[in-house]
C-alpha cells in the first residue's frame, strides 16, 4: 500500500500545481491539474471540483487520472480527495486542509 504527502497551490486559470512524495519514491515529484467542473455546492472554493490530473512517477513516465476534491462531510476546513481512472475507480484517496493558502495533505492506496 502506497502512502504519501502532497500540497497543491492555486496556479490560476482553474489550475492547481504542487509536489508529492510517497513511501515508494526516492524523491519529490510534481503534479498539476486543471479543473473541468467546479463543485456544485461550493463553486467559489478554488480547490473544490473535478480535475484532470497529471504527474510523473518513479519510472519517469507521465501518469494521469481524474481527481475529485470536495469538502469532507461533517468537517470544517477538511477536504477529501479521490484520484480515479476508468480501470480503477479508487486509485488513491486522501485528506487535506488549507495552510497558508496551500492545500496540504496525505494520500494512500485504498
N, C-alpha and C. Protein backbone atom coordinates (compact mmCIF):
# COMPACT_ATOMS: atom_id res chain seq x y z
N UNK A 1 0.84 -1.17 0.00
CA UNK A 1 0.00 0.00 0.00
C UNK A 1 0.88 1.24 0.00
N UNK A 2 0.66 2.12 -0.96
CA UNK A 2 1.41 3.37 -1.06
C UNK A 2 0.77 4.40 -0.14
N UNK A 3 1.62 5.13 0.58
CA UNK A 3 1.18 6.25 1.42
C UNK A 3 2.09 7.43 1.13
N UNK A 4 1.49 8.62 1.04
CA UNK A 4 2.32 9.77 0.72
C UNK A 4 1.72 11.09 1.19
N UNK A 5 2.46 12.16 0.89
CA UNK A 5 2.05 13.52 1.24
C UNK A 5 2.09 14.38 -0.02
N UNK A 6 1.36 15.49 0.01
CA UNK A 6 1.31 16.38 -1.14
C UNK A 6 0.93 17.77 -0.69
N UNK A 7 1.11 18.71 -1.62
CA UNK A 7 0.49 20.02 -1.49
C UNK A 7 0.09 20.47 -2.89
N UNK A 8 -0.97 21.27 -2.95
CA UNK A 8 -1.37 21.95 -4.19
C UNK A 8 -1.50 23.43 -3.90
N UNK A 9 -1.16 24.25 -4.88
CA UNK A 9 -1.39 25.68 -4.80
C UNK A 9 -2.27 26.08 -5.98
N UNK A 10 -3.00 27.16 -5.82
CA UNK A 10 -3.81 27.69 -6.91
C UNK A 10 -2.84 28.32 -7.91
N UNK A 11 -2.83 27.81 -9.13
CA UNK A 11 -1.95 28.34 -10.17
C UNK A 11 -2.69 29.28 -11.11
N UNK A 12 -3.96 29.55 -10.84
CA UNK A 12 -4.76 30.44 -11.68
C UNK A 12 -5.37 29.69 -12.86
N UNK A 13 -6.33 30.32 -13.51
CA UNK A 13 -6.97 29.76 -14.70
C UNK A 13 -7.51 28.35 -14.49
N UNK A 14 -8.09 28.09 -13.30
CA UNK A 14 -8.66 26.78 -12.95
C UNK A 14 -7.61 25.67 -12.86
N UNK A 15 -6.37 26.03 -12.63
CA UNK A 15 -5.29 25.05 -12.50
C UNK A 15 -4.75 25.03 -11.07
N UNK A 16 -4.33 23.84 -10.63
CA UNK A 16 -3.59 23.70 -9.38
C UNK A 16 -2.29 22.97 -9.70
N UNK A 17 -1.27 23.25 -8.91
CA UNK A 17 0.03 22.63 -9.12
C UNK A 17 0.68 22.39 -7.77
N UNK A 18 1.53 21.38 -7.69
CA UNK A 18 2.20 21.10 -6.43
C UNK A 18 3.21 19.98 -6.56
N UNK A 19 3.56 19.45 -5.42
CA UNK A 19 4.51 18.35 -5.37
C UNK A 19 3.99 17.25 -4.46
N UNK A 20 4.56 16.07 -4.63
CA UNK A 20 4.18 14.94 -3.79
C UNK A 20 5.38 14.02 -3.59
N UNK A 21 5.28 13.20 -2.58
CA UNK A 21 6.24 12.13 -2.33
C UNK A 21 5.48 11.02 -1.63
N UNK A 22 6.00 9.79 -1.74
CA UNK A 22 5.38 8.69 -1.02
C UNK A 22 6.43 7.68 -0.61
N UNK A 23 6.01 6.66 0.10
CA UNK A 23 6.97 5.69 0.63
C UNK A 23 7.57 4.80 -0.45
N UNK A 24 7.16 4.98 -1.71
CA UNK A 24 7.73 4.21 -2.81
C UNK A 24 8.59 5.05 -3.75
N UNK A 25 8.75 6.35 -3.44
CA UNK A 25 9.53 7.22 -4.32
C UNK A 25 10.81 7.67 -3.63
N UNK A 26 11.90 7.77 -4.40
CA UNK A 26 13.16 8.22 -3.82
C UNK A 26 13.31 9.73 -3.76
N UNK A 27 12.35 10.46 -4.32
CA UNK A 27 12.47 11.92 -4.33
C UNK A 27 11.09 12.57 -4.44
N UNK A 28 11.07 13.88 -4.56
CA UNK A 28 9.83 14.65 -4.68
C UNK A 28 9.52 14.85 -6.15
N UNK A 29 8.25 14.66 -6.51
CA UNK A 29 7.80 14.81 -7.89
C UNK A 29 6.73 15.89 -7.99
N UNK A 30 6.43 16.32 -9.22
CA UNK A 30 5.42 17.36 -9.43
C UNK A 30 4.09 16.73 -9.89
N UNK A 31 3.03 17.46 -9.61
CA UNK A 31 1.70 17.09 -10.08
C UNK A 31 0.96 18.38 -10.43
N UNK A 32 0.20 18.36 -11.48
CA UNK A 32 -0.62 19.52 -11.84
C UNK A 32 -1.98 19.02 -12.33
N UNK A 33 -2.96 19.91 -12.24
CA UNK A 33 -4.32 19.52 -12.63
C UNK A 33 -5.08 20.74 -13.11
N UNK A 34 -6.00 20.51 -14.01
CA UNK A 34 -6.90 21.56 -14.50
C UNK A 34 -8.33 21.18 -14.12
N UNK A 35 -9.04 22.17 -13.56
CA UNK A 35 -10.41 21.91 -13.13
C UNK A 35 -11.34 21.89 -14.33
N UNK A 36 -12.05 20.79 -14.46
CA UNK A 36 -13.01 20.59 -15.53
C UNK A 36 -14.39 21.10 -15.12
N UNK A 37 -14.76 20.82 -13.85
CA UNK A 37 -16.07 21.20 -13.33
C UNK A 37 -15.93 21.68 -11.90
N UNK A 38 -16.43 22.88 -11.57
CA UNK A 38 -16.43 23.30 -10.16
C UNK A 38 -17.41 22.45 -9.36
N UNK A 39 -17.21 22.41 -8.06
CA UNK A 39 -18.14 21.72 -7.16
C UNK A 39 -19.45 22.49 -7.12
N UNK A 40 -20.56 21.82 -7.36
CA UNK A 40 -21.87 22.48 -7.42
C UNK A 40 -22.25 23.11 -6.08
N UNK A 41 -21.84 22.49 -4.97
CA UNK A 41 -22.19 23.02 -3.65
C UNK A 41 -21.29 24.17 -3.21
N UNK A 42 -20.05 24.21 -3.72
CA UNK A 42 -19.10 25.24 -3.32
C UNK A 42 -18.37 25.81 -4.54
N UNK A 43 -19.09 26.43 -5.48
CA UNK A 43 -18.45 26.90 -6.71
C UNK A 43 -17.39 27.97 -6.49
N UNK A 44 -17.46 28.69 -5.36
CA UNK A 44 -16.49 29.74 -5.07
C UNK A 44 -15.18 29.20 -4.48
N UNK A 45 -15.18 27.93 -4.07
CA UNK A 45 -13.98 27.33 -3.48
C UNK A 45 -13.00 26.99 -4.60
N UNK A 46 -11.82 27.60 -4.58
CA UNK A 46 -10.87 27.44 -5.68
C UNK A 46 -10.30 26.03 -5.78
N UNK A 47 -10.42 25.21 -4.73
CA UNK A 47 -9.89 23.85 -4.78
C UNK A 47 -10.96 22.79 -5.09
N UNK A 48 -12.20 23.02 -4.72
CA UNK A 48 -13.24 22.01 -4.92
C UNK A 48 -13.62 21.87 -6.39
N UNK A 49 -13.78 20.61 -6.82
CA UNK A 49 -14.22 20.37 -8.18
C UNK A 49 -13.66 19.07 -8.74
N UNK A 50 -13.91 18.87 -10.02
CA UNK A 50 -13.42 17.70 -10.74
C UNK A 50 -12.30 18.15 -11.67
N UNK A 51 -11.17 17.46 -11.59
CA UNK A 51 -9.96 17.84 -12.32
C UNK A 51 -9.47 16.72 -13.22
N UNK A 52 -8.65 17.11 -14.20
CA UNK A 52 -7.82 16.17 -14.95
C UNK A 52 -6.41 16.40 -14.42
N UNK A 53 -5.81 15.37 -13.83
CA UNK A 53 -4.53 15.49 -13.14
C UNK A 53 -3.43 14.71 -13.85
N UNK A 54 -2.20 15.26 -13.85
CA UNK A 54 -1.04 14.60 -14.45
C UNK A 54 0.14 14.68 -13.50
N UNK A 55 0.95 13.63 -13.46
CA UNK A 55 2.14 13.61 -12.62
C UNK A 55 3.17 12.64 -13.18
N UNK A 56 4.36 12.71 -12.64
CA UNK A 56 5.46 11.82 -13.02
C UNK A 56 5.67 10.82 -11.88
N UNK A 57 5.88 9.56 -12.22
CA UNK A 57 6.15 8.54 -11.20
C UNK A 57 7.60 8.08 -11.26
N UNK A 58 7.94 7.14 -10.40
CA UNK A 58 9.30 6.62 -10.27
C UNK A 58 9.97 6.28 -11.59
N UNK A 59 9.23 5.67 -12.48
CA UNK A 59 9.83 5.24 -13.73
C UNK A 59 9.95 6.38 -14.73
N UNK A 60 9.71 7.60 -14.24
CA UNK A 60 9.80 8.82 -15.05
C UNK A 60 8.73 8.90 -16.13
N UNK A 61 7.72 8.03 -16.06
CA UNK A 61 6.63 8.04 -17.02
C UNK A 61 5.52 8.97 -16.54
N UNK A 62 4.89 9.65 -17.47
CA UNK A 62 3.76 10.51 -17.14
C UNK A 62 2.52 9.66 -16.86
N UNK A 63 1.81 10.02 -15.82
CA UNK A 63 0.57 9.35 -15.44
C UNK A 63 -0.53 10.39 -15.41
N UNK A 64 -1.77 9.95 -15.55
CA UNK A 64 -2.89 10.88 -15.41
C UNK A 64 -4.11 10.15 -14.87
N UNK A 65 -4.99 10.93 -14.30
CA UNK A 65 -6.22 10.38 -13.71
C UNK A 65 -7.19 11.53 -13.46
N UNK A 66 -8.43 11.18 -13.22
CA UNK A 66 -9.38 12.16 -12.73
C UNK A 66 -9.08 12.42 -11.26
N UNK A 67 -9.37 13.61 -10.80
CA UNK A 67 -9.19 13.97 -9.39
C UNK A 67 -10.42 14.73 -8.95
N UNK A 68 -11.07 14.26 -7.89
CA UNK A 68 -12.23 14.95 -7.33
C UNK A 68 -11.84 15.47 -5.96
N UNK A 69 -11.97 16.77 -5.77
CA UNK A 69 -11.69 17.41 -4.48
C UNK A 69 -13.00 17.98 -3.96
N UNK A 70 -13.36 17.59 -2.75
CA UNK A 70 -14.61 18.07 -2.14
C UNK A 70 -14.36 18.37 -0.67
N UNK A 71 -15.24 19.16 -0.10
CA UNK A 71 -15.17 19.39 1.34
C UNK A 71 -15.68 18.14 2.03
N UNK A 72 -14.96 17.68 3.03
CA UNK A 72 -15.38 16.47 3.73
C UNK A 72 -16.65 16.74 4.53
N UNK A 73 -17.59 15.83 4.42
CA UNK A 73 -18.86 15.98 5.13
C UNK A 73 -18.64 16.02 6.63
N UNK A 74 -19.41 16.85 7.30
CA UNK A 74 -19.39 16.97 8.77
C UNK A 74 -18.03 17.39 9.32
N UNK A 75 -17.25 18.13 8.53
CA UNK A 75 -15.95 18.61 8.99
C UNK A 75 -15.74 20.03 8.46
N UNK A 76 -15.14 20.85 9.26
CA UNK A 76 -14.87 22.23 8.85
C UNK A 76 -13.42 22.34 8.42
N UNK A 77 -13.19 22.79 7.20
CA UNK A 77 -11.85 23.04 6.72
C UNK A 77 -11.06 21.82 6.28
N UNK A 78 -11.72 20.67 6.16
CA UNK A 78 -11.04 19.44 5.74
C UNK A 78 -11.61 19.01 4.38
N UNK A 79 -10.71 18.64 3.50
CA UNK A 79 -11.08 18.25 2.14
C UNK A 79 -10.84 16.76 1.93
N UNK A 80 -11.68 16.15 1.11
CA UNK A 80 -11.50 14.76 0.68
C UNK A 80 -11.03 14.79 -0.77
N UNK A 81 -10.04 13.97 -1.09
CA UNK A 81 -9.52 13.87 -2.45
C UNK A 81 -9.59 12.43 -2.92
N UNK A 82 -9.99 12.24 -4.18
CA UNK A 82 -10.05 10.91 -4.77
C UNK A 82 -9.52 10.97 -6.19
N UNK A 83 -8.45 10.22 -6.45
CA UNK A 83 -7.89 10.07 -7.79
C UNK A 83 -8.51 8.81 -8.38
N UNK A 84 -8.97 8.88 -9.62
CA UNK A 84 -9.65 7.73 -10.20
C UNK A 84 -9.41 7.62 -11.70
N UNK A 85 -9.55 6.39 -12.18
CA UNK A 85 -9.46 6.09 -13.60
C UNK A 85 -10.61 5.15 -13.95
N UNK A 86 -10.91 5.06 -15.22
CA UNK A 86 -11.98 4.13 -15.64
C UNK A 86 -11.66 2.71 -15.21
N UNK A 87 -10.38 2.31 -15.30
CA UNK A 87 -9.99 0.94 -14.94
C UNK A 87 -9.77 0.77 -13.44
N UNK A 88 -9.75 1.87 -12.69
CA UNK A 88 -9.52 1.81 -11.25
C UNK A 88 -10.25 2.99 -10.60
N UNK A 89 -11.50 2.78 -10.19
CA UNK A 89 -12.29 3.89 -9.67
C UNK A 89 -11.82 4.44 -8.33
N UNK A 90 -10.83 3.81 -7.74
CA UNK A 90 -10.30 4.32 -6.48
C UNK A 90 -8.78 4.14 -6.46
N UNK A 91 -8.10 4.89 -7.31
CA UNK A 91 -6.65 4.78 -7.44
C UNK A 91 -5.95 5.20 -6.14
N UNK A 92 -6.29 6.41 -5.65
CA UNK A 92 -5.78 6.93 -4.38
C UNK A 92 -6.90 7.71 -3.72
N UNK A 93 -6.84 7.81 -2.40
CA UNK A 93 -7.75 8.70 -1.67
C UNK A 93 -6.94 9.43 -0.62
N UNK A 94 -7.39 10.61 -0.25
CA UNK A 94 -6.64 11.39 0.72
C UNK A 94 -7.49 12.43 1.42
N UNK A 95 -6.84 13.13 2.33
CA UNK A 95 -7.45 14.24 3.06
C UNK A 95 -6.46 15.39 3.08
N UNK A 96 -7.00 16.60 3.16
CA UNK A 96 -6.13 17.78 3.17
C UNK A 96 -6.81 18.92 3.91
N UNK A 97 -6.02 19.96 4.18
CA UNK A 97 -6.53 21.19 4.78
C UNK A 97 -5.77 22.35 4.16
N UNK A 98 -6.34 23.54 4.29
CA UNK A 98 -5.69 24.74 3.79
C UNK A 98 -4.71 25.24 4.85
N UNK A 99 -3.47 25.47 4.43
CA UNK A 99 -2.45 26.04 5.31
C UNK A 99 -1.69 27.09 4.51
N UNK A 100 -1.82 28.35 4.92
CA UNK A 100 -1.16 29.47 4.25
C UNK A 100 -1.45 29.48 2.75
N UNK A 101 -2.70 29.21 2.40
CA UNK A 101 -3.13 29.26 1.02
C UNK A 101 -2.87 28.00 0.21
N UNK A 102 -2.22 27.02 0.80
CA UNK A 102 -1.92 25.75 0.12
C UNK A 102 -2.88 24.67 0.61
N UNK A 103 -3.21 23.75 -0.28
CA UNK A 103 -3.97 22.56 0.11
C UNK A 103 -2.93 21.49 0.44
N UNK A 104 -2.79 21.15 1.71
CA UNK A 104 -1.73 20.25 2.19
C UNK A 104 -2.36 19.01 2.79
N UNK A 105 -1.85 17.83 2.39
CA UNK A 105 -2.46 16.63 2.92
C UNK A 105 -1.67 15.36 2.71
N UNK A 106 -2.38 14.26 2.89
CA UNK A 106 -1.80 12.93 2.73
C UNK A 106 -2.71 12.10 1.84
N UNK A 107 -2.16 11.04 1.25
CA UNK A 107 -2.96 10.15 0.43
C UNK A 107 -2.47 8.73 0.59
N UNK A 108 -3.29 7.78 0.10
CA UNK A 108 -2.95 6.37 0.22
C UNK A 108 -3.70 5.58 -0.86
N UNK A 109 -3.20 4.40 -1.13
CA UNK A 109 -3.96 3.47 -1.95
C UNK A 109 -5.02 2.86 -1.05
N UNK A 110 -6.23 2.68 -1.56
CA UNK A 110 -7.28 2.10 -0.71
C UNK A 110 -7.02 0.66 -0.34
